[in-house]
């Protein structure tokens, strides 16, 4: 389960860093929505966050799409990381595992969200309190990475923002460095835009897994 949390954490919490890459535009533009999402994460303003990010959809899509891509690539991942027991299974097992742990994982993500935005002191270990400990880890990633918006394309009521993450020369920064996110956004009836999901999960599976493989040993785990 630790490996799943690590991969999911990478797919979701780094958006806090990624969304910080933007240029100022008027309120009814995708750029403005990115700016407000970044401000919300930076200033820990949850009421502002939900105005510009569909958090529930973001979490659910990241989990479901990430788990499916992980399941499809498990044979290749086993070949790349033969000593990692998490990848010693087939696609069917991985899909069932993701299904069995979905409720727990989504509840945990909500707990991380609450811990981060309420600035709850992190537990001393993940075993003691996974949500608050990972909330503290979220803060570390945010402090050690920032994003550059490299392009936005609009397709009717949808927009896709490419965000390149630049990590600092630190342990946490190097794990995030050079990750490229594509955020799918949607224009509401009032003309305002909202972040819905990470639309390039497939492209992120291998780099996020590589970071996760480095992250857990960094925490003293194998």
N, C-alpha and C. Protein backbone atom coordinates (compact mmCIF):
# COMPACT_ATOMS: atom_id res chain seq x y z
N UNK A 1 0.82 -1.20 0.00
CA UNK A 1 0.00 0.00 0.00
C UNK A 1 0.86 1.26 0.00
N UNK A 2 2.03 1.21 0.62
CA UNK A 2 2.91 2.38 0.65
C UNK A 2 3.27 2.81 -0.77
N UNK A 3 3.51 1.83 -1.66
CA UNK A 3 3.90 2.18 -3.02
C UNK A 3 2.77 2.88 -3.75
N UNK A 4 1.55 2.39 -3.56
CA UNK A 4 0.39 3.02 -4.17
C UNK A 4 0.25 4.45 -3.69
N UNK A 5 0.38 4.66 -2.39
CA UNK A 5 0.27 6.01 -1.83
C UNK A 5 1.34 6.91 -2.42
N UNK A 6 2.55 6.40 -2.57
CA UNK A 6 3.63 7.20 -3.10
C UNK A 6 3.37 7.66 -4.52
N UNK A 7 2.89 6.74 -5.37
CA UNK A 7 2.60 7.07 -6.76
C UNK A 7 1.44 8.05 -6.83
N UNK A 8 0.39 7.80 -6.06
CA UNK A 8 -0.77 8.67 -6.06
C UNK A 8 -0.42 10.04 -5.52
N UNK A 9 0.40 10.06 -4.47
CA UNK A 9 0.84 11.34 -3.91
C UNK A 9 1.55 12.15 -4.98
N UNK A 10 2.40 11.48 -5.75
CA UNK A 10 3.11 12.19 -6.81
C UNK A 10 2.19 12.73 -7.87
N UNK A 11 1.18 11.97 -8.25
CA UNK A 11 0.25 12.39 -9.30
C UNK A 11 -0.61 13.56 -8.88
N UNK A 12 -0.86 13.69 -7.59
CA UNK A 12 -1.82 14.70 -7.13
C UNK A 12 -1.18 15.90 -6.46
N UNK A 13 -0.36 15.66 -5.43
CA UNK A 13 0.08 16.81 -4.63
C UNK A 13 1.02 17.75 -5.35
N UNK A 14 1.75 17.25 -6.37
CA UNK A 14 2.66 18.14 -7.08
C UNK A 14 1.93 19.17 -7.92
N UNK A 15 0.62 18.98 -8.10
CA UNK A 15 -0.15 20.00 -8.79
C UNK A 15 -0.06 21.32 -8.04
N UNK A 16 0.10 21.25 -6.74
CA UNK A 16 0.27 22.46 -5.94
C UNK A 16 1.50 23.24 -6.38
N UNK A 17 2.55 22.51 -6.76
CA UNK A 17 3.73 23.18 -7.30
C UNK A 17 3.52 23.53 -8.76
N UNK A 18 2.92 22.59 -9.51
CA UNK A 18 2.76 22.78 -10.94
C UNK A 18 1.89 23.98 -11.28
N UNK A 19 0.84 24.18 -10.50
CA UNK A 19 -0.10 25.25 -10.80
C UNK A 19 0.46 26.63 -10.55
N UNK A 20 1.66 26.72 -10.03
CA UNK A 20 2.22 28.03 -9.75
C UNK A 20 2.82 28.68 -10.99
N UNK A 21 2.89 27.95 -12.11
CA UNK A 21 3.42 28.54 -13.33
C UNK A 21 2.33 29.17 -14.16
N UNK A 22 2.25 30.47 -14.21
CA UNK A 22 1.18 31.14 -14.94
C UNK A 22 1.56 32.58 -15.23
N UNK A 23 0.81 33.19 -16.11
CA UNK A 23 0.91 34.62 -16.36
C UNK A 23 -0.46 35.22 -16.06
N UNK A 24 -0.49 36.48 -15.63
CA UNK A 24 -1.75 37.09 -15.25
C UNK A 24 -2.62 37.36 -16.48
N UNK A 25 -3.90 37.05 -16.38
CA UNK A 25 -4.89 37.35 -17.40
C UNK A 25 -6.20 37.73 -16.71
N UNK A 26 -7.19 38.10 -17.50
CA UNK A 26 -8.49 38.47 -16.94
C UNK A 26 -9.15 37.28 -16.28
N UNK A 27 -10.18 37.55 -15.49
CA UNK A 27 -10.79 36.52 -14.65
C UNK A 27 -11.34 35.34 -15.45
N UNK A 28 -11.86 35.57 -16.62
CA UNK A 28 -12.48 34.49 -17.38
C UNK A 28 -11.54 33.90 -18.42
N UNK A 29 -10.38 33.47 -17.93
CA UNK A 29 -9.39 32.78 -18.77
C UNK A 29 -8.83 31.59 -18.00
N UNK A 30 -8.34 30.59 -18.72
CA UNK A 30 -7.69 29.46 -18.04
C UNK A 30 -6.48 29.91 -17.22
N UNK A 31 -5.75 30.90 -17.72
CA UNK A 31 -4.57 31.39 -17.01
C UNK A 31 -4.93 31.93 -15.63
N UNK A 32 -6.02 32.66 -15.57
CA UNK A 32 -6.45 33.23 -14.30
C UNK A 32 -6.83 32.12 -13.32
N UNK A 33 -7.51 31.08 -13.81
CA UNK A 33 -7.89 29.97 -12.95
C UNK A 33 -6.66 29.26 -12.39
N UNK A 34 -5.63 29.09 -13.22
CA UNK A 34 -4.37 28.50 -12.75
C UNK A 34 -3.74 29.36 -11.67
N UNK A 35 -3.77 30.67 -11.89
CA UNK A 35 -3.19 31.59 -10.92
C UNK A 35 -3.90 31.49 -9.57
N UNK A 36 -5.23 31.42 -9.61
CA UNK A 36 -6.00 31.34 -8.37
C UNK A 36 -5.80 29.99 -7.68
N UNK A 37 -5.69 28.92 -8.46
CA UNK A 37 -5.43 27.60 -7.87
C UNK A 37 -4.07 27.60 -7.17
N UNK A 38 -3.08 28.20 -7.83
CA UNK A 38 -1.74 28.29 -7.24
C UNK A 38 -1.77 29.11 -5.96
N UNK A 39 -2.48 30.24 -6.00
CA UNK A 39 -2.59 31.09 -4.82
C UNK A 39 -3.24 30.33 -3.67
N UNK A 40 -4.29 29.57 -3.99
CA UNK A 40 -5.01 28.81 -2.96
C UNK A 40 -4.10 27.79 -2.30
N UNK A 41 -3.29 27.10 -3.09
CA UNK A 41 -2.36 26.11 -2.53
C UNK A 41 -1.28 26.80 -1.72
N UNK A 42 -0.75 27.87 -2.28
CA UNK A 42 0.35 28.59 -1.62
C UNK A 42 -0.09 29.20 -0.29
N UNK A 43 -1.29 29.81 -0.28
CA UNK A 43 -1.79 30.49 0.91
C UNK A 43 -2.69 29.61 1.77
N UNK A 44 -2.86 28.35 1.33
CA UNK A 44 -3.68 27.38 2.06
C UNK A 44 -5.09 27.91 2.29
N UNK A 45 -5.68 28.38 1.20
CA UNK A 45 -7.03 28.93 1.18
C UNK A 45 -7.94 27.92 0.49
N UNK A 46 -8.53 27.04 1.28
CA UNK A 46 -9.32 25.96 0.70
C UNK A 46 -10.59 26.47 0.03
N UNK A 47 -11.19 27.52 0.56
CA UNK A 47 -12.40 28.07 -0.05
C UNK A 47 -12.11 28.60 -1.45
N UNK A 48 -10.93 29.16 -1.64
CA UNK A 48 -10.53 29.63 -2.97
C UNK A 48 -10.23 28.44 -3.87
N UNK A 49 -9.59 27.42 -3.31
CA UNK A 49 -9.23 26.23 -4.10
C UNK A 49 -10.44 25.62 -4.78
N UNK A 50 -11.53 25.43 -4.03
CA UNK A 50 -12.69 24.73 -4.60
C UNK A 50 -13.41 25.56 -5.65
N UNK A 51 -13.11 26.85 -5.72
CA UNK A 51 -13.69 27.67 -6.78
C UNK A 51 -13.03 27.40 -8.12
N UNK A 52 -11.78 26.96 -8.09
CA UNK A 52 -11.03 26.80 -9.33
C UNK A 52 -10.50 25.39 -9.57
N UNK A 53 -10.74 24.49 -8.64
CA UNK A 53 -10.32 23.09 -8.81
C UNK A 53 -11.47 22.19 -8.37
N UNK A 54 -11.86 21.25 -9.23
CA UNK A 54 -12.84 20.24 -8.84
C UNK A 54 -12.07 19.14 -8.12
N UNK A 55 -11.87 19.33 -6.83
CA UNK A 55 -10.95 18.49 -6.06
C UNK A 55 -11.39 17.03 -6.06
N UNK A 56 -12.68 16.78 -5.85
CA UNK A 56 -13.15 15.39 -5.80
C UNK A 56 -12.90 14.68 -7.13
N UNK A 57 -13.23 15.35 -8.23
CA UNK A 57 -13.00 14.75 -9.54
C UNK A 57 -11.52 14.55 -9.79
N UNK A 58 -10.71 15.52 -9.37
CA UNK A 58 -9.26 15.43 -9.54
C UNK A 58 -8.70 14.21 -8.82
N UNK A 59 -9.10 14.01 -7.58
CA UNK A 59 -8.63 12.86 -6.80
C UNK A 59 -9.10 11.55 -7.42
N UNK A 60 -10.39 11.47 -7.73
CA UNK A 60 -10.95 10.22 -8.25
C UNK A 60 -10.34 9.85 -9.60
N UNK A 61 -10.21 10.84 -10.48
CA UNK A 61 -9.63 10.57 -11.80
C UNK A 61 -8.17 10.16 -11.68
N UNK A 62 -7.42 10.83 -10.81
CA UNK A 62 -6.01 10.49 -10.62
C UNK A 62 -5.86 9.06 -10.12
N UNK A 63 -6.71 8.69 -9.16
CA UNK A 63 -6.63 7.33 -8.62
C UNK A 63 -7.02 6.30 -9.68
N UNK A 64 -8.20 6.49 -10.29
CA UNK A 64 -8.71 5.50 -11.22
C UNK A 64 -7.82 5.36 -12.46
N UNK A 65 -7.44 6.49 -13.04
CA UNK A 65 -6.62 6.44 -14.25
C UNK A 65 -5.20 6.00 -13.94
N UNK A 66 -4.66 6.47 -12.81
CA UNK A 66 -3.32 6.06 -12.43
C UNK A 66 -3.25 4.57 -12.14
N UNK A 67 -4.25 4.04 -11.42
CA UNK A 67 -4.27 2.62 -11.09
C UNK A 67 -4.40 1.76 -12.35
N UNK A 68 -5.22 2.21 -13.30
CA UNK A 68 -5.39 1.44 -14.53
C UNK A 68 -4.10 1.42 -15.35
N UNK A 69 -3.45 2.55 -15.47
CA UNK A 69 -2.19 2.58 -16.22
C UNK A 69 -1.12 1.75 -15.51
N UNK A 70 -1.09 1.80 -14.19
CA UNK A 70 -0.15 1.00 -13.42
C UNK A 70 -0.39 -0.49 -13.65
N UNK A 71 -1.67 -0.87 -13.68
CA UNK A 71 -2.02 -2.27 -13.90
C UNK A 71 -1.59 -2.73 -15.29
N UNK A 72 -1.81 -1.90 -16.29
CA UNK A 72 -1.46 -2.27 -17.66
C UNK A 72 0.05 -2.36 -17.86
N UNK A 73 0.80 -1.60 -17.07
CA UNK A 73 2.25 -1.56 -17.25
C UNK A 73 3.01 -2.41 -16.23
N UNK A 74 2.29 -3.19 -15.42
CA UNK A 74 2.94 -3.88 -14.31
C UNK A 74 4.03 -4.85 -14.76
N UNK A 75 3.85 -5.50 -15.90
CA UNK A 75 4.88 -6.43 -16.38
C UNK A 75 6.18 -5.69 -16.69
N UNK A 76 6.06 -4.55 -17.36
CA UNK A 76 7.24 -3.76 -17.68
C UNK A 76 7.88 -3.18 -16.41
N UNK A 77 7.03 -2.76 -15.47
CA UNK A 77 7.55 -2.20 -14.23
C UNK A 77 8.27 -3.26 -13.40
N UNK A 78 7.75 -4.49 -13.46
CA UNK A 78 8.44 -5.59 -12.76
C UNK A 78 9.83 -5.81 -13.35
N UNK A 79 9.93 -5.73 -14.69
CA UNK A 79 11.23 -5.91 -15.34
C UNK A 79 12.19 -4.79 -14.96
N UNK A 80 11.66 -3.58 -14.77
CA UNK A 80 12.49 -2.43 -14.42
C UNK A 80 12.90 -2.44 -12.95
N UNK A 81 11.98 -2.93 -12.09
CA UNK A 81 12.21 -2.93 -10.64
C UNK A 81 11.94 -4.33 -10.09
N UNK A 82 12.79 -5.30 -10.44
CA UNK A 82 12.53 -6.70 -10.07
C UNK A 82 12.53 -6.96 -8.57
N UNK A 83 13.14 -6.09 -7.78
CA UNK A 83 13.20 -6.32 -6.34
C UNK A 83 12.00 -5.69 -5.61
N UNK A 84 11.15 -5.01 -6.33
CA UNK A 84 9.99 -4.37 -5.72
C UNK A 84 8.82 -5.35 -5.74
N UNK A 85 8.45 -5.85 -4.56
CA UNK A 85 7.38 -6.86 -4.47
C UNK A 85 6.05 -6.34 -4.98
N UNK A 86 5.85 -5.03 -4.95
CA UNK A 86 4.57 -4.46 -5.38
C UNK A 86 4.27 -4.80 -6.84
N UNK A 87 5.32 -4.99 -7.64
CA UNK A 87 5.12 -5.27 -9.06
C UNK A 87 5.22 -6.76 -9.38
N UNK A 88 5.19 -7.59 -8.36
CA UNK A 88 5.24 -9.03 -8.58
C UNK A 88 3.83 -9.61 -8.78
N UNK A 89 3.04 -8.96 -9.59
CA UNK A 89 1.65 -9.40 -9.80
C UNK A 89 1.28 -9.15 -11.26
N UNK A 90 0.11 -9.67 -11.66
CA UNK A 90 -0.34 -9.44 -13.03
C UNK A 90 -1.37 -8.32 -13.07
N UNK A 91 -1.81 -8.00 -14.27
CA UNK A 91 -2.74 -6.89 -14.47
C UNK A 91 -4.05 -7.10 -13.72
N UNK A 92 -4.57 -8.31 -13.77
CA UNK A 92 -5.85 -8.59 -13.11
C UNK A 92 -5.75 -8.36 -11.60
N UNK A 93 -4.65 -8.81 -11.00
CA UNK A 93 -4.46 -8.60 -9.56
C UNK A 93 -4.39 -7.12 -9.24
N UNK A 94 -3.64 -6.36 -10.04
CA UNK A 94 -3.46 -4.94 -9.78
C UNK A 94 -4.79 -4.19 -9.88
N UNK A 95 -5.61 -4.57 -10.84
CA UNK A 95 -6.92 -3.93 -10.97
C UNK A 95 -7.79 -4.22 -9.76
N UNK A 96 -7.77 -5.47 -9.31
CA UNK A 96 -8.58 -5.83 -8.15
C UNK A 96 -8.05 -5.15 -6.90
N UNK A 97 -6.75 -5.05 -6.78
CA UNK A 97 -6.12 -4.38 -5.64
C UNK A 97 -6.57 -2.92 -5.59
N UNK A 98 -6.53 -2.26 -6.74
CA UNK A 98 -6.94 -0.86 -6.80
C UNK A 98 -8.42 -0.71 -6.43
N UNK A 99 -9.23 -1.62 -6.90
CA UNK A 99 -10.66 -1.58 -6.59
C UNK A 99 -10.89 -1.78 -5.09
N UNK A 100 -10.19 -2.74 -4.51
CA UNK A 100 -10.37 -3.05 -3.09
C UNK A 100 -9.91 -1.91 -2.18
N UNK A 101 -8.93 -1.14 -2.63
CA UNK A 101 -8.35 -0.08 -1.78
C UNK A 101 -8.83 1.32 -2.17
N UNK A 102 -9.75 1.41 -3.10
CA UNK A 102 -10.17 2.72 -3.62
C UNK A 102 -10.78 3.61 -2.53
N UNK A 103 -11.70 3.08 -1.77
CA UNK A 103 -12.36 3.88 -0.73
C UNK A 103 -11.34 4.40 0.27
N UNK A 104 -10.44 3.53 0.70
CA UNK A 104 -9.41 3.93 1.66
C UNK A 104 -8.52 5.01 1.07
N UNK A 105 -8.07 4.82 -0.17
CA UNK A 105 -7.14 5.76 -0.78
C UNK A 105 -7.77 7.14 -0.95
N UNK A 106 -9.03 7.18 -1.41
CA UNK A 106 -9.69 8.47 -1.59
C UNK A 106 -9.96 9.16 -0.25
N UNK A 107 -10.29 8.37 0.76
CA UNK A 107 -10.47 8.94 2.10
C UNK A 107 -9.14 9.49 2.61
N UNK A 108 -8.06 8.77 2.33
CA UNK A 108 -6.74 9.24 2.75
C UNK A 108 -6.38 10.55 2.05
N UNK A 109 -6.67 10.65 0.77
CA UNK A 109 -6.39 11.88 0.05
C UNK A 109 -7.15 13.06 0.64
N UNK A 110 -8.39 12.84 1.02
CA UNK A 110 -9.16 13.90 1.66
C UNK A 110 -8.54 14.27 3.02
N UNK A 111 -8.01 13.27 3.70
CA UNK A 111 -7.35 13.53 4.98
C UNK A 111 -6.08 14.34 4.80
N UNK A 112 -5.33 14.03 3.73
CA UNK A 112 -4.12 14.79 3.41
C UNK A 112 -4.50 16.24 3.10
N UNK A 113 -5.55 16.39 2.32
CA UNK A 113 -6.04 17.73 1.97
C UNK A 113 -6.38 18.52 3.24
N UNK A 114 -7.11 17.90 4.13
CA UNK A 114 -7.50 18.58 5.37
C UNK A 114 -6.27 18.94 6.20
N UNK A 115 -5.34 18.00 6.33
CA UNK A 115 -4.14 18.25 7.12
C UNK A 115 -3.32 19.40 6.54
N UNK A 116 -3.22 19.43 5.20
CA UNK A 116 -2.43 20.47 4.55
C UNK A 116 -3.06 21.84 4.73
N UNK A 117 -4.35 21.95 4.46
CA UNK A 117 -4.99 23.26 4.49
C UNK A 117 -5.25 23.78 5.91
N UNK A 118 -5.31 22.88 6.87
CA UNK A 118 -5.47 23.33 8.26
C UNK A 118 -4.13 23.43 8.98
N UNK A 119 -3.05 23.12 8.24
CA UNK A 119 -1.69 23.17 8.79
C UNK A 119 -1.57 22.32 10.06
N UNK A 120 -2.18 21.14 10.02
CA UNK A 120 -2.08 20.21 11.13
C UNK A 120 -0.65 19.69 11.25
N UNK A 121 -0.04 19.75 12.42
CA UNK A 121 1.32 19.24 12.58
C UNK A 121 1.41 17.78 12.13
N UNK A 122 2.41 17.44 11.33
CA UNK A 122 2.52 16.06 10.84
C UNK A 122 2.88 15.08 11.94
N UNK A 123 2.37 13.89 11.82
CA UNK A 123 2.72 12.81 12.75
C UNK A 123 4.19 12.45 12.56
N UNK A 124 4.74 11.75 13.53
CA UNK A 124 6.15 11.38 13.48
C UNK A 124 6.45 10.31 12.45
N UNK A 125 5.41 9.57 12.03
CA UNK A 125 5.61 8.51 11.03
C UNK A 125 4.30 8.27 10.30
N UNK A 126 4.38 7.63 9.15
CA UNK A 126 3.17 7.33 8.38
C UNK A 126 2.31 6.31 9.11
N UNK A 127 2.95 5.44 9.89
CA UNK A 127 2.17 4.45 10.64
C UNK A 127 1.34 5.11 11.73
N UNK A 128 1.86 6.15 12.32
CA UNK A 128 1.16 6.84 13.41
C UNK A 128 -0.11 7.53 12.92
N UNK A 129 0.00 8.27 11.83
CA UNK A 129 -1.15 8.95 11.24
C UNK A 129 -0.81 9.26 9.78
N UNK A 130 -1.26 8.39 8.85
CA UNK A 130 -0.89 8.57 7.44
C UNK A 130 -1.27 9.93 6.86
N UNK A 131 -2.45 10.43 7.19
CA UNK A 131 -2.93 11.67 6.58
C UNK A 131 -2.08 12.88 6.99
N UNK A 132 -1.83 13.03 8.28
CA UNK A 132 -1.06 14.20 8.71
C UNK A 132 0.40 14.08 8.31
N UNK A 133 0.95 12.86 8.32
CA UNK A 133 2.34 12.68 7.89
C UNK A 133 2.49 13.05 6.43
N UNK A 134 1.55 12.58 5.59
CA UNK A 134 1.61 12.89 4.17
C UNK A 134 1.25 14.35 3.90
N UNK A 135 0.46 14.96 4.78
CA UNK A 135 0.23 16.39 4.67
C UNK A 135 1.53 17.16 4.83
N UNK A 136 2.36 16.71 5.75
CA UNK A 136 3.67 17.32 5.93
C UNK A 136 4.57 17.10 4.72
N UNK A 137 4.47 15.93 4.11
CA UNK A 137 5.25 15.65 2.91
C UNK A 137 4.78 16.52 1.75
N UNK A 138 3.49 16.77 1.67
CA UNK A 138 2.95 17.65 0.63
C UNK A 138 3.59 19.03 0.73
N UNK A 139 3.69 19.53 1.95
CA UNK A 139 4.31 20.84 2.17
C UNK A 139 5.76 20.85 1.70
N UNK A 140 6.48 19.76 1.94
CA UNK A 140 7.88 19.69 1.53
C UNK A 140 8.02 19.73 0.00
N UNK A 141 7.13 19.00 -0.68
CA UNK A 141 7.17 19.04 -2.14
C UNK A 141 6.84 20.44 -2.65
N UNK A 142 5.85 21.08 -2.05
CA UNK A 142 5.46 22.41 -2.49
C UNK A 142 6.60 23.41 -2.31
N UNK A 143 7.32 23.28 -1.21
CA UNK A 143 8.42 24.21 -0.91
C UNK A 143 9.63 24.01 -1.82
N UNK A 144 9.73 22.83 -2.42
CA UNK A 144 10.94 22.49 -3.17
C UNK A 144 10.72 22.36 -4.67
N UNK A 145 9.58 22.82 -5.16
CA UNK A 145 9.32 22.76 -6.59
C UNK A 145 8.40 23.89 -7.01
N UNK A 146 8.54 24.31 -8.25
CA UNK A 146 7.64 25.30 -8.81
C UNK A 146 7.39 24.96 -10.27
N UNK A 147 6.34 25.53 -10.83
CA UNK A 147 5.97 25.15 -12.18
C UNK A 147 6.09 26.27 -13.18
N UNK A 148 6.23 25.87 -14.43
CA UNK A 148 6.25 26.81 -15.54
C UNK A 148 5.14 26.41 -16.51
N UNK A 149 4.23 27.33 -16.76
CA UNK A 149 3.17 27.07 -17.73
C UNK A 149 3.76 27.23 -19.12
N UNK A 150 3.91 26.12 -19.83
CA UNK A 150 4.58 26.16 -21.14
C UNK A 150 3.60 26.29 -22.30
N UNK A 151 2.32 26.28 -22.01
CA UNK A 151 1.34 26.44 -23.08
C UNK A 151 -0.06 26.06 -22.65
N UNK A 152 -1.04 26.73 -23.23
CA UNK A 152 -2.45 26.42 -22.99
C UNK A 152 -3.16 26.41 -24.33
N UNK A 153 -3.90 25.35 -24.59
CA UNK A 153 -4.71 25.32 -25.80
C UNK A 153 -6.19 25.18 -25.40
N UNK A 154 -7.03 25.94 -26.05
CA UNK A 154 -8.46 25.90 -25.79
C UNK A 154 -9.17 25.13 -26.89
N UNK A 155 -10.10 24.28 -26.49
CA UNK A 155 -10.92 23.50 -27.42
C UNK A 155 -12.37 23.64 -26.98
N UNK A 156 -13.00 24.70 -27.40
CA UNK A 156 -14.38 24.95 -27.00
C UNK A 156 -14.46 25.28 -25.52
N UNK A 157 -15.22 24.49 -24.78
CA UNK A 157 -15.36 24.73 -23.33
C UNK A 157 -14.29 24.01 -22.52
N UNK A 158 -13.34 23.38 -23.19
CA UNK A 158 -12.23 22.70 -22.52
C UNK A 158 -10.92 23.42 -22.82
N UNK A 159 -9.99 23.31 -21.92
CA UNK A 159 -8.64 23.85 -22.12
C UNK A 159 -7.65 22.87 -21.51
N UNK A 160 -6.44 22.85 -22.06
CA UNK A 160 -5.40 21.94 -21.59
C UNK A 160 -4.13 22.75 -21.34
N UNK A 161 -3.72 22.79 -20.09
CA UNK A 161 -2.55 23.57 -19.69
C UNK A 161 -1.36 22.65 -19.45
N UNK A 162 -0.26 22.91 -20.13
CA UNK A 162 0.97 22.14 -19.94
C UNK A 162 1.81 22.83 -18.88
N UNK A 163 2.15 22.08 -17.83
CA UNK A 163 2.90 22.63 -16.70
C UNK A 163 4.17 21.80 -16.50
N UNK A 164 5.31 22.44 -16.65
CA UNK A 164 6.59 21.78 -16.43
C UNK A 164 7.09 22.13 -15.04
N UNK A 165 7.34 21.10 -14.23
CA UNK A 165 7.78 21.32 -12.86
C UNK A 165 9.30 21.40 -12.80
N UNK A 166 9.77 22.43 -12.11
CA UNK A 166 11.20 22.60 -11.87
C UNK A 166 11.46 22.39 -10.38
N UNK A 167 12.24 21.39 -10.06
CA UNK A 167 12.57 21.12 -8.67
C UNK A 167 13.88 21.77 -8.27
N UNK A 168 13.97 22.15 -7.02
CA UNK A 168 15.21 22.70 -6.50
C UNK A 168 16.24 21.58 -6.36
N UNK A 169 17.49 21.95 -6.13
CA UNK A 169 18.55 20.96 -5.97
C UNK A 169 18.55 20.45 -4.53
N UNK A 170 17.45 19.79 -4.18
CA UNK A 170 17.26 19.18 -2.87
C UNK A 170 16.70 17.78 -3.09
N UNK A 171 16.64 16.99 -2.03
CA UNK A 171 16.10 15.63 -2.17
C UNK A 171 14.68 15.66 -2.73
N UNK A 172 13.83 16.49 -2.18
CA UNK A 172 12.44 16.56 -2.64
C UNK A 172 12.35 17.23 -4.01
N UNK A 173 13.14 18.26 -4.22
CA UNK A 173 13.11 18.95 -5.51
C UNK A 173 13.52 18.06 -6.66
N UNK A 174 14.53 17.25 -6.45
CA UNK A 174 15.00 16.37 -7.52
C UNK A 174 13.96 15.32 -7.88
N UNK A 175 13.13 14.90 -6.93
CA UNK A 175 12.07 13.94 -7.22
C UNK A 175 11.00 14.53 -8.14
N UNK A 176 10.80 15.84 -8.05
CA UNK A 176 9.75 16.50 -8.83
C UNK A 176 10.28 17.10 -10.12
N UNK A 177 11.57 17.28 -10.23
CA UNK A 177 12.15 18.02 -11.34
C UNK A 177 11.82 17.41 -12.69
N UNK A 178 11.42 18.27 -13.61
CA UNK A 178 11.18 17.91 -15.01
C UNK A 178 9.92 17.07 -15.24
N UNK A 179 9.04 16.99 -14.27
CA UNK A 179 7.76 16.34 -14.50
C UNK A 179 6.88 17.27 -15.32
N UNK A 180 6.23 16.72 -16.33
CA UNK A 180 5.37 17.52 -17.20
C UNK A 180 3.92 17.08 -17.03
N UNK A 181 3.11 17.98 -16.47
CA UNK A 181 1.69 17.72 -16.28
C UNK A 181 0.88 18.40 -17.37
N UNK A 182 -0.23 17.77 -17.74
CA UNK A 182 -1.23 18.45 -18.55
C UNK A 182 -2.52 18.46 -17.75
N UNK A 183 -3.02 19.64 -17.45
CA UNK A 183 -4.23 19.80 -16.66
C UNK A 183 -5.41 20.09 -17.56
N UNK A 184 -6.44 19.27 -17.46
CA UNK A 184 -7.67 19.52 -18.21
C UNK A 184 -8.55 20.48 -17.42
N UNK A 185 -9.04 21.51 -18.10
CA UNK A 185 -9.87 22.52 -17.47
C UNK A 185 -11.19 22.64 -18.23
N UNK A 186 -12.20 23.14 -17.54
CA UNK A 186 -13.50 23.30 -18.18
C UNK A 186 -14.08 24.68 -17.87
N UNK A 187 -14.72 25.25 -18.87
CA UNK A 187 -15.33 26.57 -18.73
C UNK A 187 -16.77 26.42 -18.26
N UNK A 188 -17.11 27.08 -17.16
CA UNK A 188 -18.45 27.01 -16.62
C UNK A 188 -19.41 27.96 -17.31
N UNK A 189 -20.68 27.87 -16.93
CA UNK A 189 -21.70 28.72 -17.52
C UNK A 189 -21.44 30.20 -17.27
N UNK A 190 -20.74 30.50 -16.18
CA UNK A 190 -20.44 31.90 -15.85
C UNK A 190 -19.16 32.40 -16.52
N UNK A 191 -18.54 31.54 -17.34
CA UNK A 191 -17.33 31.94 -18.05
C UNK A 191 -16.04 31.67 -17.31
N UNK A 192 -16.15 31.22 -16.08
CA UNK A 192 -14.94 30.93 -15.30
C UNK A 192 -14.47 29.50 -15.55
N UNK A 193 -13.15 29.30 -15.43
CA UNK A 193 -12.54 28.01 -15.71
C UNK A 193 -12.20 27.28 -14.41
N UNK A 194 -12.18 25.94 -14.52
CA UNK A 194 -11.91 25.11 -13.35
C UNK A 194 -11.05 23.91 -13.77
N UNK A 195 -10.07 23.58 -12.94
CA UNK A 195 -9.23 22.41 -13.20
C UNK A 195 -10.01 21.14 -12.85
N UNK A 196 -10.06 20.20 -13.79
CA UNK A 196 -10.82 18.96 -13.60
C UNK A 196 -9.95 17.76 -13.28
N UNK A 197 -8.87 17.58 -14.02
CA UNK A 197 -8.10 16.35 -13.90
C UNK A 197 -6.73 16.51 -14.53
N UNK A 198 -5.85 15.56 -14.21
CA UNK A 198 -4.58 15.44 -14.92
C UNK A 198 -4.86 14.59 -16.14
N UNK A 199 -4.66 15.16 -17.33
CA UNK A 199 -5.08 14.45 -18.54
C UNK A 199 -3.97 13.61 -19.18
N UNK A 200 -2.76 13.67 -18.65
CA UNK A 200 -1.67 12.86 -19.23
C UNK A 200 -1.12 11.85 -18.23
N UNK A 201 -2.01 11.23 -17.47
CA UNK A 201 -1.58 10.25 -16.47
C UNK A 201 -0.73 9.15 -17.10
N UNK A 202 -1.11 8.72 -18.29
CA UNK A 202 -0.35 7.66 -18.97
C UNK A 202 1.12 8.04 -19.11
N UNK A 203 1.39 9.29 -19.45
CA UNK A 203 2.77 9.74 -19.63
C UNK A 203 3.53 9.87 -18.31
N UNK A 204 2.80 9.97 -17.22
CA UNK A 204 3.42 10.22 -15.92
C UNK A 204 3.75 8.94 -15.14
N UNK A 205 3.17 7.82 -15.55
CA UNK A 205 3.34 6.59 -14.78
C UNK A 205 4.81 6.24 -14.57
N UNK A 206 5.60 6.25 -15.64
CA UNK A 206 7.00 5.84 -15.50
C UNK A 206 7.83 6.87 -14.72
N UNK A 207 7.77 8.16 -15.04
CA UNK A 207 8.56 9.10 -14.23
C UNK A 207 8.12 9.19 -12.78
N UNK A 208 6.80 9.09 -12.52
CA UNK A 208 6.33 9.12 -11.14
C UNK A 208 6.77 7.86 -10.40
N UNK A 209 6.71 6.71 -11.07
CA UNK A 209 7.16 5.48 -10.43
C UNK A 209 8.64 5.55 -10.11
N UNK A 210 9.43 6.10 -11.02
CA UNK A 210 10.86 6.25 -10.76
C UNK A 210 11.09 7.12 -9.53
N UNK A 211 10.31 8.21 -9.41
CA UNK A 211 10.45 9.08 -8.24
C UNK A 211 10.02 8.34 -6.97
N UNK A 212 8.94 7.55 -7.06
CA UNK A 212 8.47 6.80 -5.90
C UNK A 212 9.51 5.78 -5.45
N UNK A 213 10.20 5.17 -6.43
CA UNK A 213 11.23 4.18 -6.10
C UNK A 213 12.40 4.83 -5.36
N UNK A 214 12.61 6.11 -5.59
CA UNK A 214 13.67 6.84 -4.88
C UNK A 214 13.14 7.43 -3.56
N UNK A 215 11.85 7.75 -3.56
CA UNK A 215 11.26 8.43 -2.40
C UNK A 215 11.23 7.54 -1.16
N UNK A 216 10.76 6.30 -1.29
CA UNK A 216 10.61 5.46 -0.10
C UNK A 216 11.94 5.07 0.52
N UNK A 217 12.97 4.73 -0.23
CA UNK A 217 14.29 4.52 0.41
C UNK A 217 14.79 5.78 1.11
N UNK A 218 14.44 6.95 0.56
CA UNK A 218 14.82 8.21 1.19
C UNK A 218 14.20 8.34 2.58
N UNK A 219 13.03 7.68 2.76
CA UNK A 219 12.36 7.68 4.04
C UNK A 219 12.82 6.53 4.95
N UNK A 220 13.77 5.74 4.43
CA UNK A 220 14.30 4.63 5.21
C UNK A 220 13.56 3.34 4.99
N UNK A 221 12.69 3.31 3.93
CA UNK A 221 11.95 2.09 3.62
C UNK A 221 12.44 1.50 2.31
N UNK A 222 12.20 0.22 2.16
CA UNK A 222 12.53 -0.47 0.91
C UNK A 222 11.26 -0.97 0.25
